[in-house]
């Protein structure tokens, strides 16, 4: 059972949200899931709001629909008519919404939150229609205006109840050395595991990245 199959078994046809600070392996994890889905002949739609993967069209494997779109309104327009796929990735919700939210006037900030909920609903419906798996990455609230919040108090921008996700997981950097970085994906708000239960371990070196399932 590869990584894509493992997540699909856990999440079923639904959305898992993965949040964590920058550099903690979120995008790499999503990319590895995408590659494993492609190996099985699945179709992948990967919407990159940060240019984390930096892939050019000639580098894309067959079946990998990768789009770099930093503009939030354009992201909304694309999400309204998502193509058919077996795996959807939005990387990341926080970095696409929060800059627009920061620029909005006080009377329009509530509208921005509603648009974020609508964005999640578009992905939810596409996931349901296509019996797909969706991964949404997100940023923790604390770096935006609260840089000194203790590590244990980090939480994602937005809540599970309004962002329509089934599972919320969190990434941690557990080892950072010149020769390698090791990150873990742990349960944060889950129907199956207690908080901080390790689920996956990601090892990143100059030769590439590997992920190990811990559950």
C-alpha atoms as a PDB file:
ATOM      1  CA  UNK A   1       0.000   0.000   0.000  1.00  0.00           C
ATOM      2  CA  UNK A   2       1.626   3.253  -1.099  1.00  0.00           C
ATOM      3  CA  UNK A   3       1.216   6.690   0.493  1.00  0.00           C
ATOM      4  CA  UNK A   4      -1.777   7.731  -1.611  1.00  0.00           C
ATOM      5  CA  UNK A   5      -3.599   4.479  -0.856  1.00  0.00           C
ATOM      6  CA  UNK A   6      -2.781   4.837   2.849  1.00  0.00           C
ATOM      7  CA  UNK A   7      -4.287   8.324   3.036  1.00  0.00           C
ATOM      8  CA  UNK A   8      -7.321   7.314   1.016  1.00  0.00           C
ATOM      9  CA  UNK A   9      -7.948   4.432   3.419  1.00  0.00           C
ATOM     10  CA  UNK A  10      -7.718   6.816   6.393  1.00  0.00           C
ATOM     11  CA  UNK A  11      -9.585   9.844   5.056  1.00  0.00           C
ATOM     12  CA  UNK A  12     -11.870   8.084   2.529  1.00  0.00           C
ATOM     13  CA  UNK A  13     -13.323  10.493  -0.050  1.00  0.00           C
ATOM     14  CA  UNK A  14     -12.852  13.592   2.058  1.00  0.00           C
ATOM     15  CA  UNK A  15     -10.462  16.381   3.023  1.00  0.00           C
ATOM     16  CA  UNK A  16      -7.457  16.266   5.326  1.00  0.00           C
ATOM     17  CA  UNK A  17      -6.003  19.591   6.427  1.00  0.00           C
ATOM     18  CA  UNK A  18      -2.290  19.668   7.247  1.00  0.00           C
ATOM     19  CA  UNK A  19      -0.929  22.758   8.975  1.00  0.00           C
ATOM     20  CA  UNK A  20       2.428  23.761  10.350  1.00  0.00           C
ATOM     21  CA  UNK A  21       5.137  26.407  10.157  1.00  0.00           C
ATOM     22  CA  UNK A  22       7.092  27.089   6.990  1.00  0.00           C
ATOM     23  CA  UNK A  23       9.733  24.469   6.221  1.00  0.00           C
ATOM     24  CA  UNK A  24       8.069  21.666   8.171  1.00  0.00           C
ATOM     25  CA  UNK A  25       7.456  19.390   5.174  1.00  0.00           C
ATOM     26  CA  UNK A  26       3.858  20.147   4.157  1.00  0.00           C
ATOM     27  CA  UNK A  27       4.484  20.729   0.452  1.00  0.00           C
ATOM     28  CA  UNK A  28       6.993  17.885   0.182  1.00  0.00           C
ATOM     29  CA  UNK A  29       4.518  15.508   1.799  1.00  0.00           C
ATOM     30  CA  UNK A  30       1.789  16.567  -0.658  1.00  0.00           C
ATOM     31  CA  UNK A  31       4.155  16.121  -3.594  1.00  0.00           C
ATOM     32  CA  UNK A  32       5.098  12.600  -2.494  1.00  0.00           C
ATOM     33  CA  UNK A  33       1.411  11.688  -2.152  1.00  0.00           C
ATOM     34  CA  UNK A  34       0.872  13.083  -5.659  1.00  0.00           C
ATOM     35  CA  UNK A  35       3.695  11.008  -7.129  1.00  0.00           C
ATOM     36  CA  UNK A  36       2.322   7.852  -5.530  1.00  0.00           C
ATOM     37  CA  UNK A  37      -1.139   8.603  -6.929  1.00  0.00           C
ATOM     38  CA  UNK A  38       0.352   9.064 -10.399  1.00  0.00           C
ATOM     39  CA  UNK A  39       2.132   5.696 -10.124  1.00  0.00           C
ATOM     40  CA  UNK A  40      -1.303   4.105  -9.792  1.00  0.00           C
ATOM     41  CA  UNK A  41      -2.589   5.885 -12.892  1.00  0.00           C
ATOM     42  CA  UNK A  42      -4.600   8.418 -10.884  1.00  0.00           C
ATOM     43  CA  UNK A  43      -5.251  12.006 -11.933  1.00  0.00           C
ATOM     44  CA  UNK A  44      -3.811  14.748  -9.726  1.00  0.00           C
ATOM     45  CA  UNK A  45      -4.835  18.408  -9.560  1.00  0.00           C
ATOM     46  CA  UNK A  46      -2.263  20.421  -7.581  1.00  0.00           C
ATOM     47  CA  UNK A  47      -3.003  24.112  -6.973  1.00  0.00           C
ATOM     48  CA  UNK A  48       0.107  25.817  -5.622  1.00  0.00           C
ATOM     49  CA  UNK A  49      -0.503  29.262  -4.109  1.00  0.00           C
ATOM     50  CA  UNK A  50       3.100  29.813  -2.986  1.00  0.00           C
ATOM     51  CA  UNK A  51       5.286  28.400  -5.775  1.00  0.00           C
ATOM     52  CA  UNK A  52       6.502  25.748  -3.375  1.00  0.00           C
ATOM     53  CA  UNK A  53       7.144  23.130  -6.058  1.00  0.00           C
ATOM     54  CA  UNK A  54       8.410  25.432  -8.804  1.00  0.00           C
ATOM     55  CA  UNK A  55       7.579  22.921 -11.538  1.00  0.00           C
ATOM     56  CA  UNK A  56       7.698  23.784 -15.221  1.00  0.00           C
ATOM     57  CA  UNK A  57       5.232  22.306 -17.758  1.00  0.00           C
ATOM     58  CA  UNK A  58       7.875  20.087 -19.367  1.00  0.00           C
ATOM     59  CA  UNK A  59       8.663  18.555 -15.953  1.00  0.00           C
ATOM     60  CA  UNK A  60       5.120  17.402 -15.214  1.00  0.00           C
ATOM     61  CA  UNK A  61       4.337  13.685 -15.354  1.00  0.00           C
ATOM     62  CA  UNK A  62       1.305  12.584 -17.343  1.00  0.00           C
ATOM     63  CA  UNK A  63      -1.870  13.049 -15.340  1.00  0.00           C
ATOM     64  CA  UNK A  64      -0.364  15.774 -13.122  1.00  0.00           C
ATOM     65  CA  UNK A  65      -2.322  19.022 -13.535  1.00  0.00           C
ATOM     66  CA  UNK A  66      -0.102  21.505 -11.668  1.00  0.00           C
ATOM     67  CA  UNK A  67      -1.020  25.193 -11.482  1.00  0.00           C
ATOM     68  CA  UNK A  68       0.760  28.014  -9.716  1.00  0.00           C
ATOM     69  CA  UNK A  69      -1.791  30.733  -8.874  1.00  0.00           C
ATOM     70  CA  UNK A  70      -0.948  33.283  -6.140  1.00  0.00           C
ATOM     71  CA  UNK A  71      -4.022  35.473  -6.730  1.00  0.00           C
ATOM     72  CA  UNK A  72      -6.852  34.580  -4.366  1.00  0.00           C
ATOM     73  CA  UNK A  73      -9.673  35.663  -6.668  1.00  0.00           C
ATOM     74  CA  UNK A  74      -8.205  33.564  -9.483  1.00  0.00           C
ATOM     75  CA  UNK A  75      -7.958  30.609  -7.095  1.00  0.00           C
ATOM     76  CA  UNK A  76     -11.651  31.006  -6.286  1.00  0.00           C
ATOM     77  CA  UNK A  77     -12.540  31.074  -9.974  1.00  0.00           C
ATOM     78  CA  UNK A  78     -10.567  27.895 -10.655  1.00  0.00           C
ATOM     79  CA  UNK A  79     -12.055  26.169  -7.603  1.00  0.00           C
ATOM     80  CA  UNK A  80     -15.592  26.852  -8.819  1.00  0.00           C
ATOM     81  CA  UNK A  81     -14.932  24.566 -11.789  1.00  0.00           C
ATOM     82  CA  UNK A  82     -12.350  22.074 -10.594  1.00  0.00           C
ATOM     83  CA  UNK A  83     -11.393  19.457 -13.185  1.00  0.00           C
ATOM     84  CA  UNK A  84     -12.076  15.791 -12.562  1.00  0.00           C
ATOM     85  CA  UNK A  85      -9.314  14.215 -10.471  1.00  0.00           C
ATOM     86  CA  UNK A  86      -8.585  11.459  -7.969  1.00  0.00           C
ATOM     87  CA  UNK A  87      -6.386  13.655  -5.775  1.00  0.00           C
ATOM     88  CA  UNK A  88      -6.761  17.377  -5.154  1.00  0.00           C
ATOM     89  CA  UNK A  89      -4.122  19.460  -3.394  1.00  0.00           C
ATOM     90  CA  UNK A  90      -4.414  23.111  -2.349  1.00  0.00           C
ATOM     91  CA  UNK A  91      -1.062  24.347  -1.083  1.00  0.00           C
ATOM     92  CA  UNK A  92      -1.787  26.501   0.816  1.00  0.00           C
ATOM     93  CA  UNK A  93      -5.075  27.908   2.056  1.00  0.00           C
ATOM     94  CA  UNK A  94      -3.524  30.312   4.559  1.00  0.00           C
ATOM     95  CA  UNK A  95      -1.035  31.901   2.191  1.00  0.00           C
ATOM     96  CA  UNK A  96      -3.679  32.443  -0.469  1.00  0.00           C
ATOM     97  CA  UNK A  97      -6.301  33.957   1.838  1.00  0.00           C
ATOM     98  CA  UNK A  98      -4.372  35.822   4.528  1.00  0.00           C
ATOM     99  CA  UNK A  99      -2.642  38.462   2.342  1.00  0.00           C
ATOM    100  CA  UNK A 100      -6.010  39.363   0.822  1.00  0.00           C
ATOM    101  CA  UNK A 101      -7.549  39.327   4.312  1.00  0.00           C
ATOM    102  CA  UNK A 102      -4.852  41.684   5.608  1.00  0.00           C
ATOM    103  CA  UNK A 103      -5.495  44.134   2.781  1.00  0.00           C
ATOM    104  CA  UNK A 104      -9.294  44.095   3.146  1.00  0.00           C
ATOM    105  CA  UNK A 105     -11.036  46.909   4.970  1.00  0.00           C
ATOM    106  CA  UNK A 106     -12.624  46.160   8.338  1.00  0.00           C
ATOM    107  CA  UNK A 107     -16.117  45.881   6.848  1.00  0.00           C
ATOM    108  CA  UNK A 108     -14.916  43.359   4.240  1.00  0.00           C
ATOM    109  CA  UNK A 109     -12.904  41.029   6.469  1.00  0.00           C
ATOM    110  CA  UNK A 110     -16.013  39.016   7.280  1.00  0.00           C
ATOM    111  CA  UNK A 111     -16.605  38.576   3.558  1.00  0.00           C
ATOM    112  CA  UNK A 112     -13.057  37.229   3.168  1.00  0.00           C
ATOM    113  CA  UNK A 113     -13.768  34.517   5.731  1.00  0.00           C
ATOM    114  CA  UNK A 114     -16.967  33.596   3.890  1.00  0.00           C
ATOM    115  CA  UNK A 115     -14.986  33.352   0.645  1.00  0.00           C
ATOM    116  CA  UNK A 116     -12.502  31.030   2.370  1.00  0.00           C
ATOM    117  CA  UNK A 117     -15.376  28.807   3.489  1.00  0.00           C
ATOM    118  CA  UNK A 118     -16.752  28.865  -0.065  1.00  0.00           C
ATOM    119  CA  UNK A 119     -13.342  27.850  -1.399  1.00  0.00           C
ATOM    120  CA  UNK A 120     -13.323  24.836   0.914  1.00  0.00           C
ATOM    121  CA  UNK A 121     -16.871  23.979  -0.159  1.00  0.00           C
ATOM    122  CA  UNK A 122     -15.808  23.889  -3.830  1.00  0.00           C
ATOM    123  CA  UNK A 123     -13.087  21.389  -2.965  1.00  0.00           C
ATOM    124  CA  UNK A 124     -15.474  19.431  -0.733  1.00  0.00           C
ATOM    125  CA  UNK A 125     -18.009  19.054  -3.541  1.00  0.00           C
ATOM    126  CA  UNK A 126     -15.375  18.055  -6.119  1.00  0.00           C
ATOM    127  CA  UNK A 127     -13.999  15.510  -3.649  1.00  0.00           C
ATOM    128  CA  UNK A 128     -17.455  14.043  -3.139  1.00  0.00           C
ATOM    129  CA  UNK A 129     -18.411  14.035  -6.835  1.00  0.00           C
ATOM    130  CA  UNK A 130     -15.222  12.292  -7.918  1.00  0.00           C
ATOM    131  CA  UNK A 131     -14.793  10.057  -4.849  1.00  0.00           C
ATOM    132  CA  UNK A 132     -11.376  11.669  -4.512  1.00  0.00           C
ATOM    133  CA  UNK A 133      -8.925  12.496  -1.747  1.00  0.00           C
ATOM    134  CA  UNK A 134      -8.137  16.141  -0.990  1.00  0.00           C
ATOM    135  CA  UNK A 135      -5.210  17.581   0.958  1.00  0.00           C
ATOM    136  CA  UNK A 136      -5.342  21.221   2.034  1.00  0.00           C
ATOM    137  CA  UNK A 137      -2.241  22.716   3.627  1.00  0.00           C
ATOM    138  CA  UNK A 138      -2.618  25.665   5.953  1.00  0.00           C
ATOM    139  CA  UNK A 139      -0.587  28.081   8.023  1.00  0.00           C
ATOM    140  CA  UNK A 140      -0.710  28.414  11.806  1.00  0.00           C
ATOM    141  CA  UNK A 141      -2.249  31.605  13.138  1.00  0.00           C
ATOM    142  CA  UNK A 142       0.660  32.570  15.395  1.00  0.00           C
ATOM    143  CA  UNK A 143       3.180  33.733  12.750  1.00  0.00           C
ATOM    144  CA  UNK A 144       0.649  36.318  11.574  1.00  0.00           C
ATOM    145  CA  UNK A 145       0.952  38.970  14.266  1.00  0.00           C
ATOM    146  CA  UNK A 146       1.827  36.659  17.159  1.00  0.00           C
ATOM    147  CA  UNK A 147       5.380  35.444  16.557  1.00  0.00           C
ATOM    148  CA  UNK A 148       6.055  34.572  20.189  1.00  0.00           C
ATOM    149  CA  UNK A 149       3.239  32.079  20.688  1.00  0.00           C
ATOM    150  CA  UNK A 150       4.671  28.875  22.264  1.00  0.00           C
ATOM    151  CA  UNK A 151       5.007  25.877  19.969  1.00  0.00           C
ATOM    152  CA  UNK A 152       2.357  23.886  21.816  1.00  0.00           C
ATOM    153  CA  UNK A 153      -0.227  26.636  21.289  1.00  0.00           C
ATOM    154  CA  UNK A 154      -0.006  26.775  17.505  1.00  0.00           C
ATOM    155  CA  UNK A 155      -3.314  26.206  15.740  1.00  0.00           C
ATOM    156  CA  UNK A 156      -4.384  26.503  12.113  1.00  0.00           C
ATOM    157  CA  UNK A 157      -5.936  29.563  10.582  1.00  0.00           C
ATOM    158  CA  UNK A 158      -9.598  28.585  10.591  1.00  0.00           C
ATOM    159  CA  UNK A 159     -11.393  25.784  12.378  1.00  0.00           C
ATOM    160  CA  UNK A 160     -12.369  22.257  11.387  1.00  0.00           C
ATOM    161  CA  UNK A 161     -16.055  23.025  11.897  1.00  0.00           C
ATOM    162  CA  UNK A 162     -16.147  25.837   9.333  1.00  0.00           C
ATOM    163  CA  UNK A 163     -13.542  24.554   6.872  1.00  0.00           C
ATOM    164  CA  UNK A 164     -15.392  21.284   6.242  1.00  0.00           C
ATOM    165  CA  UNK A 165     -12.449  18.938   6.737  1.00  0.00           C
ATOM    166  CA  UNK A 166     -12.508  15.420   8.150  1.00  0.00           C
ATOM    167  CA  UNK A 167      -9.042  15.324   9.722  1.00  0.00           C
ATOM    168  CA  UNK A 168      -6.615  18.038  10.866  1.00  0.00           C
ATOM    169  CA  UNK A 169      -2.957  17.036  11.125  1.00  0.00           C
ATOM    170  CA  UNK A 170       0.107  19.043  12.028  1.00  0.00           C
ATOM    171  CA  UNK A 171       3.710  18.979  10.841  1.00  0.00           C
ATOM    172  CA  UNK A 172       6.687  19.192  13.206  1.00  0.00           C
ATOM    173  CA  UNK A 173      10.408  19.550  12.541  1.00  0.00           C
ATOM    174  CA  UNK A 174      11.988  16.903  14.757  1.00  0.00           C
ATOM    175  CA  UNK A 175      15.546  17.083  13.421  1.00  0.00           C
ATOM    176  CA  UNK A 176      17.313  19.790  11.421  1.00  0.00           C
ATOM    177  CA  UNK A 177      20.893  19.091  10.382  1.00  0.00           C
ATOM    178  CA  UNK A 178      22.992  20.068   7.389  1.00  0.00           C
ATOM    179  CA  UNK A 179      22.751  16.571   5.906  1.00  0.00           C
ATOM    180  CA  UNK A 180      19.056  16.024   6.533  1.00  0.00           C
ATOM    181  CA  UNK A 181      15.795  17.359   7.902  1.00  0.00           C
ATOM    182  CA  UNK A 182      13.297  15.056   9.569  1.00  0.00           C
ATOM    183  CA  UNK A 183       9.672  16.094   9.969  1.00  0.00           C
ATOM    184  CA  UNK A 184       6.652  14.313  11.382  1.00  0.00           C
ATOM    185  CA  UNK A 185       2.985  14.540  10.521  1.00  0.00           C
ATOM    186  CA  UNK A 186       0.966  14.108  13.712  1.00  0.00           C
ATOM    187  CA  UNK A 187      -2.726  14.037  14.554  1.00  0.00           C
ATOM    188  CA  UNK A 188      -4.023  17.356  15.844  1.00  0.00           C
ATOM    189  CA  UNK A 189      -7.794  17.056  15.625  1.00  0.00           C
ATOM    190  CA  UNK A 190      -8.690  13.564  14.547  1.00  0.00           C
ATOM    191  CA  UNK A 191     -11.516  11.068  14.697  1.00  0.00           C
ATOM    192  CA  UNK A 192      -9.065   8.176  14.963  1.00  0.00           C
ATOM    193  CA  UNK A 193      -6.059   9.287  17.016  1.00  0.00           C
ATOM    194  CA  UNK A 194      -5.281  11.397  20.030  1.00  0.00           C
ATOM    195  CA  UNK A 195      -3.538  14.737  19.699  1.00  0.00           C
ATOM    196  CA  UNK A 196       0.170  14.520  18.726  1.00  0.00           C
ATOM    197  CA  UNK A 197      -0.025  10.849  17.692  1.00  0.00           C
ATOM    198  CA  UNK A 198       2.750  10.417  15.069  1.00  0.00           C
ATOM    199  CA  UNK A 199       1.295   9.356  11.715  1.00  0.00           C
ATOM    200  CA  UNK A 200       4.082   9.816   9.142  1.00  0.00           C
ATOM    201  CA  UNK A 201       7.809  10.592   9.248  1.00  0.00           C
ATOM    202  CA  UNK A 202       9.379  12.555   6.388  1.00  0.00           C
ATOM    203  CA  UNK A 203      13.147  12.555   5.786  1.00  0.00           C
ATOM    204  CA  UNK A 204      14.570  15.146   3.388  1.00  0.00           C
ATOM    205  CA  UNK A 205      18.168  14.984   2.119  1.00  0.00           C
ATOM    206  CA  UNK A 206      20.097  16.264  -0.876  1.00  0.00           C
ATOM    207  CA  UNK A 207      19.195  13.027  -2.658  1.00  0.00           C
ATOM    208  CA  UNK A 208      15.452  13.559  -2.229  1.00  0.00           C
ATOM    209  CA  UNK A 209      12.681  12.865   0.237  1.00  0.00           C
ATOM    210  CA  UNK A 210      11.206   9.715   1.703  1.00  0.00           C
ATOM    211  CA  UNK A 211       8.154   9.191   3.870  1.00  0.00           C
ATOM    212  CA  UNK A 212       7.453   6.404   6.364  1.00  0.00           C
ATOM    213  CA  UNK A 213       3.976   5.544   7.636  1.00  0.00           C
ATOM    214  CA  UNK A 214       3.893   5.163  11.427  1.00  0.00           C
ATOM    215  CA  UNK A 215       0.275   3.972  11.661  1.00  0.00           C
END
